[in-house]
């Protein structure tokens, strides 16, 4: 039961991902309805219940959106845990495209994942000055972006609700 369940608001917009345990409780307590179910089952001594894959809340919930938190973990998730200069997945650190000593801040558009070798090679310069080329330009991710990343490891039924093909 390590699977995750997509939570939809009453208007079928994706708002969160939760555990199967929490999703089952929401369905059981009639706070949500099961939209799609997985092939697994939850068994008790006397009953068998389907395991939810996507649930929809019975009431509309206003969820204030503050954006994705800027953190080391989220930047590496955005960059798929790969160096944005050479593509390696070992010895990863964070790199400021415009170094802090030259006025660069810590924000989504100035931070990328880099291996320690490329980060040392770049030093206190911009990538262009160091002769390095970015694999992917950094972007500020949205909630949909992170939910779509879960799609790679979770149930493919989510694609319909995240604006992706099945």
N, C-alpha and C. Protein backbone atom coordinates (compact mmCIF):
# COMPACT_ATOMS: atom_id res chain seq x y z
N UNK A 1 0.83 -1.20 0.00
CA UNK A 1 0.00 0.00 0.00
C UNK A 1 0.87 1.26 0.00
N UNK A 2 1.95 1.23 -0.76
CA UNK A 2 2.80 2.40 -0.89
C UNK A 2 2.30 3.32 -2.00
N UNK A 3 1.29 2.88 -2.72
CA UNK A 3 0.76 3.67 -3.83
C UNK A 3 0.21 5.00 -3.35
N UNK A 4 0.12 5.91 -4.27
CA UNK A 4 -0.45 7.23 -4.00
C UNK A 4 -1.77 7.37 -4.73
N UNK A 5 -2.61 8.26 -4.22
CA UNK A 5 -3.93 8.50 -4.79
C UNK A 5 -4.04 9.98 -5.13
N UNK A 6 -4.57 10.28 -6.31
CA UNK A 6 -4.77 11.66 -6.74
C UNK A 6 -6.09 12.16 -6.16
N UNK A 7 -6.05 13.34 -5.52
CA UNK A 7 -7.26 13.95 -4.96
C UNK A 7 -7.71 15.06 -5.89
N UNK A 8 -8.97 14.98 -6.32
CA UNK A 8 -9.56 16.01 -7.16
C UNK A 8 -10.54 16.83 -6.33
N UNK A 9 -10.62 18.11 -6.63
CA UNK A 9 -11.62 18.95 -6.00
C UNK A 9 -12.98 18.60 -6.61
N UNK A 10 -14.04 19.20 -6.13
CA UNK A 10 -15.37 18.88 -6.63
C UNK A 10 -15.51 19.20 -8.12
N UNK A 11 -14.73 20.18 -8.60
CA UNK A 11 -14.79 20.54 -10.03
C UNK A 11 -13.81 19.73 -10.89
N UNK A 12 -13.29 18.62 -10.35
CA UNK A 12 -12.38 17.71 -11.03
C UNK A 12 -11.00 18.31 -11.31
N UNK A 13 -10.61 19.36 -10.58
CA UNK A 13 -9.25 19.88 -10.71
C UNK A 13 -8.36 19.18 -9.68
N UNK A 14 -7.16 18.81 -10.10
CA UNK A 14 -6.24 18.11 -9.21
C UNK A 14 -5.73 19.07 -8.14
N UNK A 15 -5.79 18.62 -6.87
CA UNK A 15 -5.31 19.50 -5.79
C UNK A 15 -4.23 18.88 -4.93
N UNK A 16 -4.11 17.54 -4.90
CA UNK A 16 -3.11 16.93 -4.03
C UNK A 16 -2.95 15.46 -4.35
N UNK A 17 -1.96 14.87 -3.71
CA UNK A 17 -1.70 13.44 -3.75
C UNK A 17 -1.66 12.97 -2.30
N UNK A 18 -2.27 11.83 -2.02
CA UNK A 18 -2.25 11.32 -0.64
C UNK A 18 -2.02 9.81 -0.65
N UNK A 19 -1.94 9.24 0.53
CA UNK A 19 -1.75 7.79 0.66
C UNK A 19 -3.05 7.06 0.41
N UNK A 20 -2.95 5.78 0.13
CA UNK A 20 -4.14 4.95 -0.07
C UNK A 20 -4.96 4.92 1.21
N UNK A 21 -4.28 4.86 2.34
CA UNK A 21 -4.97 4.82 3.64
C UNK A 21 -5.86 6.04 3.84
N UNK A 22 -5.31 7.23 3.59
CA UNK A 22 -6.09 8.46 3.76
C UNK A 22 -7.24 8.52 2.75
N UNK A 23 -6.96 8.14 1.52
CA UNK A 23 -8.00 8.17 0.48
C UNK A 23 -9.14 7.21 0.82
N UNK A 24 -8.79 6.02 1.30
CA UNK A 24 -9.82 5.07 1.66
C UNK A 24 -10.70 5.62 2.79
N UNK A 25 -10.09 6.26 3.77
CA UNK A 25 -10.86 6.85 4.87
C UNK A 25 -11.80 7.94 4.35
N UNK A 26 -11.32 8.78 3.45
CA UNK A 26 -12.17 9.84 2.90
C UNK A 26 -13.37 9.24 2.15
N UNK A 27 -13.16 8.17 1.42
CA UNK A 27 -14.25 7.52 0.70
C UNK A 27 -15.19 6.83 1.69
N UNK A 28 -14.63 6.12 2.65
CA UNK A 28 -15.43 5.39 3.63
C UNK A 28 -16.31 6.32 4.46
N UNK A 29 -15.79 7.50 4.79
CA UNK A 29 -16.54 8.47 5.59
C UNK A 29 -17.43 9.37 4.73
N UNK A 30 -17.58 9.07 3.46
CA UNK A 30 -18.39 9.82 2.51
C UNK A 30 -17.96 11.28 2.36
N UNK A 31 -16.69 11.54 2.52
CA UNK A 31 -16.16 12.87 2.28
C UNK A 31 -15.63 12.98 0.86
N UNK A 32 -15.50 11.82 0.21
CA UNK A 32 -15.03 11.78 -1.18
C UNK A 32 -15.66 10.58 -1.86
N UNK A 33 -15.65 10.64 -3.19
CA UNK A 33 -16.14 9.50 -3.97
C UNK A 33 -14.99 8.95 -4.80
N UNK A 34 -15.02 7.66 -5.04
CA UNK A 34 -13.98 7.02 -5.82
C UNK A 34 -14.29 7.24 -7.30
N UNK A 35 -13.35 7.85 -8.02
CA UNK A 35 -13.52 8.10 -9.45
C UNK A 35 -12.97 6.92 -10.24
N UNK A 36 -11.76 6.49 -9.92
CA UNK A 36 -11.19 5.29 -10.53
C UNK A 36 -10.56 4.45 -9.44
N UNK A 37 -10.52 3.16 -9.67
CA UNK A 37 -9.92 2.26 -8.69
C UNK A 37 -8.77 1.51 -9.33
N UNK A 38 -7.85 1.05 -8.50
CA UNK A 38 -6.74 0.27 -9.00
C UNK A 38 -7.13 -1.20 -9.01
N UNK A 39 -6.24 -2.04 -9.45
CA UNK A 39 -6.52 -3.47 -9.53
C UNK A 39 -6.39 -4.17 -8.18
N UNK A 40 -5.81 -3.49 -7.20
CA UNK A 40 -5.62 -4.09 -5.88
C UNK A 40 -6.90 -4.03 -5.06
N UNK A 41 -6.90 -4.77 -3.96
CA UNK A 41 -8.05 -4.79 -3.06
C UNK A 41 -7.59 -4.66 -1.63
N UNK A 42 -8.46 -4.06 -0.80
CA UNK A 42 -8.27 -4.04 0.65
C UNK A 42 -9.20 -5.08 1.22
N UNK A 43 -8.66 -5.96 2.05
CA UNK A 43 -9.48 -7.05 2.58
C UNK A 43 -9.58 -6.96 4.10
N UNK A 44 -10.79 -7.17 4.57
CA UNK A 44 -11.02 -7.36 5.99
C UNK A 44 -11.47 -8.80 6.18
N UNK A 45 -11.86 -9.16 7.37
CA UNK A 45 -12.30 -10.53 7.60
C UNK A 45 -13.57 -10.84 6.81
N UNK A 46 -14.46 -9.85 6.71
CA UNK A 46 -15.75 -10.11 6.08
C UNK A 46 -15.98 -9.40 4.75
N UNK A 47 -15.18 -8.38 4.42
CA UNK A 47 -15.45 -7.60 3.21
C UNK A 47 -14.18 -7.39 2.38
N UNK A 48 -14.42 -7.07 1.12
CA UNK A 48 -13.34 -6.71 0.20
C UNK A 48 -13.69 -5.35 -0.38
N UNK A 49 -12.73 -4.41 -0.32
CA UNK A 49 -12.93 -3.06 -0.82
C UNK A 49 -11.94 -2.78 -1.95
N UNK A 50 -12.36 -2.06 -2.98
CA UNK A 50 -11.41 -1.67 -4.03
C UNK A 50 -10.47 -0.58 -3.52
N UNK A 51 -9.26 -0.58 -4.02
CA UNK A 51 -8.28 0.44 -3.64
C UNK A 51 -8.44 1.62 -4.59
N UNK A 52 -8.66 2.83 -4.06
CA UNK A 52 -8.84 3.99 -4.94
C UNK A 52 -7.54 4.39 -5.65
N UNK A 53 -7.70 4.91 -6.85
CA UNK A 53 -6.59 5.46 -7.61
C UNK A 53 -6.76 6.97 -7.75
N UNK A 54 -8.02 7.40 -7.98
CA UNK A 54 -8.38 8.81 -8.06
C UNK A 54 -9.67 9.00 -7.28
N UNK A 55 -9.68 10.00 -6.39
CA UNK A 55 -10.90 10.31 -5.65
C UNK A 55 -11.28 11.77 -5.87
N UNK A 56 -12.58 12.06 -5.70
CA UNK A 56 -13.08 13.43 -5.85
C UNK A 56 -13.80 13.82 -4.57
N UNK A 57 -13.44 14.99 -4.03
CA UNK A 57 -14.06 15.47 -2.81
C UNK A 57 -15.53 15.79 -3.03
N UNK A 58 -16.37 15.54 -2.02
CA UNK A 58 -17.81 15.80 -2.13
C UNK A 58 -18.11 17.30 -2.10
N UNK A 59 -17.30 18.06 -1.38
CA UNK A 59 -17.47 19.51 -1.29
C UNK A 59 -16.29 20.21 -1.94
N UNK A 60 -16.55 21.38 -2.51
CA UNK A 60 -15.48 22.17 -3.08
C UNK A 60 -14.63 22.74 -1.94
N UNK A 61 -13.32 22.60 -2.05
CA UNK A 61 -12.40 23.10 -1.04
C UNK A 61 -11.54 24.18 -1.68
N UNK A 62 -11.60 25.39 -1.09
CA UNK A 62 -10.74 26.46 -1.58
C UNK A 62 -9.34 26.22 -1.04
N UNK A 63 -8.41 25.98 -1.93
CA UNK A 63 -7.03 25.69 -1.54
C UNK A 63 -6.18 26.89 -1.93
N UNK A 64 -5.70 27.66 -0.95
CA UNK A 64 -4.82 28.78 -1.31
C UNK A 64 -3.52 28.24 -1.88
N UNK A 65 -3.11 28.79 -2.98
CA UNK A 65 -1.89 28.31 -3.64
C UNK A 65 -0.76 29.29 -3.38
N UNK A 66 0.24 28.84 -2.67
CA UNK A 66 1.39 29.68 -2.35
C UNK A 66 2.58 29.36 -3.24
N UNK A 67 2.43 28.41 -4.11
CA UNK A 67 3.53 28.02 -4.98
C UNK A 67 4.30 26.86 -4.36
N UNK A 68 5.18 26.30 -5.14
CA UNK A 68 6.03 25.20 -4.67
C UNK A 68 7.17 25.81 -3.87
N UNK A 69 7.44 25.26 -2.71
CA UNK A 69 8.50 25.77 -1.84
C UNK A 69 9.86 25.63 -2.51
N UNK A 70 10.64 26.69 -2.44
CA UNK A 70 12.00 26.66 -2.98
C UNK A 70 12.87 25.92 -1.97
N UNK A 71 13.29 24.72 -2.33
CA UNK A 71 14.14 23.92 -1.46
C UNK A 71 15.12 23.13 -2.32
N UNK A 72 16.16 22.66 -1.70
CA UNK A 72 17.17 21.85 -2.38
C UNK A 72 16.52 20.63 -3.04
N UNK A 73 15.67 19.96 -2.27
CA UNK A 73 15.00 18.75 -2.75
C UNK A 73 14.12 19.06 -3.97
N UNK A 74 13.34 20.14 -3.92
CA UNK A 74 12.44 20.47 -5.03
C UNK A 74 13.20 20.91 -6.28
N UNK A 75 14.33 21.57 -6.11
CA UNK A 75 15.13 21.95 -7.28
C UNK A 75 15.70 20.70 -7.94
N UNK A 76 16.17 19.77 -7.12
CA UNK A 76 16.70 18.52 -7.70
C UNK A 76 15.58 17.70 -8.34
N UNK A 77 14.40 17.71 -7.75
CA UNK A 77 13.26 17.02 -8.37
C UNK A 77 12.92 17.65 -9.70
N UNK A 78 12.89 18.99 -9.75
CA UNK A 78 12.59 19.69 -11.00
C UNK A 78 13.60 19.30 -12.09
N UNK A 79 14.86 19.19 -11.71
CA UNK A 79 15.93 18.87 -12.66
C UNK A 79 16.15 17.37 -12.83
N UNK A 80 15.23 16.57 -12.28
CA UNK A 80 15.27 15.12 -12.42
C UNK A 80 16.56 14.50 -11.87
N UNK A 81 17.10 15.10 -10.84
CA UNK A 81 18.31 14.60 -10.17
C UNK A 81 19.46 14.35 -11.13
N UNK A 82 19.63 15.28 -12.08
CA UNK A 82 20.74 15.18 -13.03
C UNK A 82 21.45 16.52 -13.12
N UNK A 83 22.76 16.47 -13.35
CA UNK A 83 23.54 17.69 -13.54
C UNK A 83 23.04 18.37 -14.81
N UNK A 84 22.77 19.65 -14.73
CA UNK A 84 22.24 20.38 -15.87
C UNK A 84 23.32 20.82 -16.85
N UNK A 85 24.57 20.46 -16.56
CA UNK A 85 25.67 20.76 -17.48
C UNK A 85 26.15 19.51 -18.22
N UNK A 86 26.35 18.40 -17.49
CA UNK A 86 26.91 17.20 -18.13
C UNK A 86 25.96 16.01 -18.11
N UNK A 87 24.91 16.03 -17.31
CA UNK A 87 23.92 14.96 -17.30
C UNK A 87 24.19 13.83 -16.32
N UNK A 88 25.23 13.92 -15.53
CA UNK A 88 25.52 12.86 -14.57
C UNK A 88 24.54 12.91 -13.39
N UNK A 89 24.46 11.81 -12.65
CA UNK A 89 23.56 11.74 -11.50
C UNK A 89 24.32 11.55 -10.19
N UNK A 90 25.63 11.70 -10.21
CA UNK A 90 26.46 11.47 -9.02
C UNK A 90 27.00 12.79 -8.47
N UNK A 91 27.18 12.84 -7.15
CA UNK A 91 27.77 13.98 -6.43
C UNK A 91 27.08 15.30 -6.78
N UNK A 92 25.77 15.35 -6.61
CA UNK A 92 25.00 16.53 -7.00
C UNK A 92 25.00 17.61 -5.94
N UNK A 93 25.05 18.85 -6.40
CA UNK A 93 24.96 20.04 -5.56
C UNK A 93 24.04 21.03 -6.27
N UNK A 94 23.90 22.19 -5.67
CA UNK A 94 23.15 23.27 -6.33
C UNK A 94 24.13 24.31 -6.84
N UNK A 95 23.79 24.93 -7.96
CA UNK A 95 24.64 25.95 -8.55
C UNK A 95 23.80 27.18 -8.87
N UNK A 96 24.35 28.35 -8.57
CA UNK A 96 23.72 29.62 -8.94
C UNK A 96 24.23 30.00 -10.33
N UNK A 97 23.32 30.17 -11.30
CA UNK A 97 23.74 30.54 -12.65
C UNK A 97 24.50 31.86 -12.62
N UNK A 98 23.91 32.87 -11.99
CA UNK A 98 24.61 34.12 -11.74
C UNK A 98 25.07 34.03 -10.29
N UNK A 99 26.38 33.92 -10.05
CA UNK A 99 26.87 33.71 -8.69
C UNK A 99 26.36 34.75 -7.69
N UNK A 100 26.17 34.33 -6.45
CA UNK A 100 25.69 35.25 -5.42
C UNK A 100 26.65 36.41 -5.21
N UNK A 101 27.94 36.15 -5.40
CA UNK A 101 28.93 37.22 -5.22
C UNK A 101 28.78 38.31 -6.28
N UNK A 102 28.07 37.99 -7.36
CA UNK A 102 27.86 38.96 -8.44
C UNK A 102 26.42 39.43 -8.51
N UNK A 103 25.68 39.23 -7.42
CA UNK A 103 24.32 39.74 -7.33
C UNK A 103 23.22 38.74 -7.65
N UNK A 104 23.57 37.50 -7.88
CA UNK A 104 22.57 36.48 -8.18
C UNK A 104 21.86 36.02 -6.92
N UNK A 105 20.56 35.89 -6.98
CA UNK A 105 19.79 35.47 -5.82
C UNK A 105 19.47 33.99 -5.84
N UNK A 106 18.88 33.55 -4.76
CA UNK A 106 18.44 32.16 -4.67
C UNK A 106 16.97 32.10 -5.05
N UNK A 107 16.71 31.80 -6.31
CA UNK A 107 15.33 31.68 -6.80
C UNK A 107 15.27 30.58 -7.85
N UNK A 108 14.06 30.23 -8.26
CA UNK A 108 13.85 29.13 -9.19
C UNK A 108 14.60 29.30 -10.51
N UNK A 109 14.72 30.53 -10.97
CA UNK A 109 15.32 30.77 -12.28
C UNK A 109 16.84 30.91 -12.24
N UNK A 110 17.42 30.98 -11.03
CA UNK A 110 18.86 31.14 -10.91
C UNK A 110 19.55 29.91 -10.33
N UNK A 111 18.80 28.94 -9.85
CA UNK A 111 19.38 27.73 -9.26
C UNK A 111 19.17 26.52 -10.17
N UNK A 112 20.22 25.73 -10.33
CA UNK A 112 20.14 24.48 -11.08
C UNK A 112 20.91 23.40 -10.32
N UNK A 113 20.62 22.15 -10.66
CA UNK A 113 21.36 21.02 -10.11
C UNK A 113 22.63 20.85 -10.92
N UNK A 114 23.75 20.69 -10.22
CA UNK A 114 25.03 20.50 -10.89
C UNK A 114 25.86 19.49 -10.11
N UNK A 115 26.68 18.74 -10.81
CA UNK A 115 27.60 17.83 -10.10
C UNK A 115 28.74 18.67 -9.55
N UNK A 116 29.43 18.14 -8.56
CA UNK A 116 30.49 18.93 -7.92
C UNK A 116 31.61 19.25 -8.91
N UNK A 117 31.86 18.38 -9.88
CA UNK A 117 32.91 18.63 -10.88
C UNK A 117 32.58 19.84 -11.75
N UNK A 118 31.33 19.88 -12.27
CA UNK A 118 30.92 21.01 -13.11
C UNK A 118 30.80 22.29 -12.29
N UNK A 119 30.33 22.18 -11.05
CA UNK A 119 30.19 23.34 -10.19
C UNK A 119 31.56 23.95 -9.89
N UNK A 120 32.56 23.11 -9.66
CA UNK A 120 33.92 23.60 -9.41
C UNK A 120 34.50 24.21 -10.68
N UNK A 121 34.25 23.57 -11.80
CA UNK A 121 34.74 24.09 -13.09
C UNK A 121 34.15 25.46 -13.39
N UNK A 122 32.87 25.64 -13.07
CA UNK A 122 32.19 26.91 -13.32
C UNK A 122 32.72 27.99 -12.39
N UNK A 123 32.91 27.63 -11.12
CA UNK A 123 33.46 28.58 -10.14
C UNK A 123 32.60 29.81 -9.97
N UNK A 124 33.23 30.98 -9.94
CA UNK A 124 32.55 32.26 -9.71
C UNK A 124 32.25 32.97 -11.04
N UNK A 125 31.81 32.18 -12.02
CA UNK A 125 31.51 32.73 -13.34
C UNK A 125 30.11 32.31 -13.77
N UNK A 126 29.63 32.89 -14.84
CA UNK A 126 28.36 32.45 -15.43
C UNK A 126 28.67 31.23 -16.30
N UNK A 127 27.67 30.44 -16.65
CA UNK A 127 27.95 29.27 -17.51
C UNK A 127 28.61 29.65 -18.84
N UNK A 128 28.19 30.76 -19.42
CA UNK A 128 28.78 31.19 -20.70
C UNK A 128 30.26 31.51 -20.53
N UNK A 129 30.61 32.20 -19.45
CA UNK A 129 32.00 32.56 -19.20
C UNK A 129 32.86 31.32 -18.95
N UNK A 130 32.26 30.27 -18.37
CA UNK A 130 33.00 29.04 -18.08
C UNK A 130 32.97 28.06 -19.24
N UNK A 131 32.25 28.39 -20.30
CA UNK A 131 32.16 27.50 -21.45
C UNK A 131 31.24 26.31 -21.22
N UNK A 132 30.27 26.47 -20.33
CA UNK A 132 29.31 25.40 -20.05
C UNK A 132 27.96 25.73 -20.66
N UNK A 133 27.27 24.71 -21.13
CA UNK A 133 25.95 24.90 -21.72
C UNK A 133 24.93 24.12 -20.91
N UNK A 134 23.80 24.79 -20.62
CA UNK A 134 22.73 24.14 -19.86
C UNK A 134 21.98 23.14 -20.72
N UNK A 135 21.67 21.98 -20.15
CA UNK A 135 20.85 20.99 -20.84
C UNK A 135 19.42 21.50 -20.95
N UNK A 136 18.91 22.06 -19.85
CA UNK A 136 17.55 22.57 -19.78
C UNK A 136 17.55 23.90 -19.03
N UNK A 137 16.86 24.87 -19.57
CA UNK A 137 16.75 26.17 -18.91
C UNK A 137 15.87 26.01 -17.67
N UNK A 138 16.26 26.60 -16.54
CA UNK A 138 15.46 26.45 -15.32
C UNK A 138 14.13 27.20 -15.42
N UNK A 139 13.08 26.60 -14.86
CA UNK A 139 11.75 27.20 -14.84
C UNK A 139 11.19 27.11 -13.43
N UNK A 140 10.22 27.97 -13.15
CA UNK A 140 9.52 27.89 -11.88
C UNK A 140 8.41 26.87 -12.04
N UNK A 141 8.45 25.77 -11.28
CA UNK A 141 7.46 24.72 -11.46
C UNK A 141 6.10 25.07 -10.86
N UNK A 142 5.08 24.41 -11.39
CA UNK A 142 3.73 24.58 -10.86
C UNK A 142 3.33 23.30 -10.12
N UNK A 143 2.18 23.35 -9.45
CA UNK A 143 1.68 22.17 -8.77
C UNK A 143 1.42 21.06 -9.79
N UNK A 144 0.87 21.41 -10.95
CA UNK A 144 0.62 20.42 -12.00
C UNK A 144 1.91 19.72 -12.43
N UNK A 145 3.00 20.48 -12.49
CA UNK A 145 4.30 19.93 -12.88
C UNK A 145 4.71 18.81 -11.93
N UNK A 146 4.61 19.07 -10.61
CA UNK A 146 5.01 18.06 -9.64
C UNK A 146 4.04 16.88 -9.62
N UNK A 147 2.76 17.12 -9.85
CA UNK A 147 1.81 16.02 -9.91
C UNK A 147 2.08 15.15 -11.13
N UNK A 148 2.45 15.77 -12.25
CA UNK A 148 2.77 15.01 -13.46
C UNK A 148 4.02 14.17 -13.25
N UNK A 149 4.94 14.65 -12.41
CA UNK A 149 6.13 13.86 -12.11
C UNK A 149 5.75 12.58 -11.37
N UNK A 150 4.72 12.64 -10.52
CA UNK A 150 4.24 11.45 -9.83
C UNK A 150 3.64 10.46 -10.81
N UNK A 151 3.15 10.94 -11.95
CA UNK A 151 2.50 10.09 -12.93
C UNK A 151 3.45 9.01 -13.44
N UNK A 152 4.75 9.30 -13.48
CA UNK A 152 5.72 8.32 -13.96
C UNK A 152 5.77 7.08 -13.08
N UNK A 153 5.50 7.25 -11.78
CA UNK A 153 5.60 6.13 -10.85
C UNK A 153 4.25 5.68 -10.34
N UNK A 154 3.20 6.39 -10.66
CA UNK A 154 1.88 6.08 -10.14
C UNK A 154 0.95 5.60 -11.24
N UNK A 155 -0.29 5.49 -10.90
CA UNK A 155 -1.31 4.98 -11.81
C UNK A 155 -1.47 5.90 -13.03
N UNK A 156 -1.58 5.31 -14.19
CA UNK A 156 -1.71 6.07 -15.42
C UNK A 156 -3.09 6.72 -15.59
N UNK A 157 -4.05 6.37 -14.72
CA UNK A 157 -5.37 6.99 -14.76
C UNK A 157 -5.31 8.49 -14.46
N UNK A 158 -4.25 8.93 -13.85
CA UNK A 158 -4.12 10.34 -13.48
C UNK A 158 -4.01 11.25 -14.68
N UNK A 159 -3.48 10.75 -15.79
CA UNK A 159 -3.22 11.58 -16.97
C UNK A 159 -4.42 12.35 -17.45
N UNK A 160 -5.59 11.77 -17.37
CA UNK A 160 -6.81 12.43 -17.81
C UNK A 160 -7.06 13.70 -17.00
N UNK A 161 -6.79 13.65 -15.70
CA UNK A 161 -7.08 14.76 -14.80
C UNK A 161 -5.95 15.77 -14.70
N UNK A 162 -4.78 15.42 -15.23
CA UNK A 162 -3.65 16.34 -15.22
C UNK A 162 -3.39 16.96 -16.59
N UNK A 163 -4.35 16.79 -17.49
CA UNK A 163 -4.22 17.38 -18.83
C UNK A 163 -3.27 16.65 -19.72
N UNK A 164 -3.10 15.34 -19.49
CA UNK A 164 -2.20 14.53 -20.32
C UNK A 164 -3.01 13.43 -20.98
N UNK A 165 -2.48 12.88 -22.03
CA UNK A 165 -3.11 11.75 -22.72
C UNK A 165 -2.95 10.51 -21.85
N UNK A 166 -3.82 9.54 -22.05
CA UNK A 166 -3.72 8.27 -21.35
C UNK A 166 -2.60 7.43 -21.87
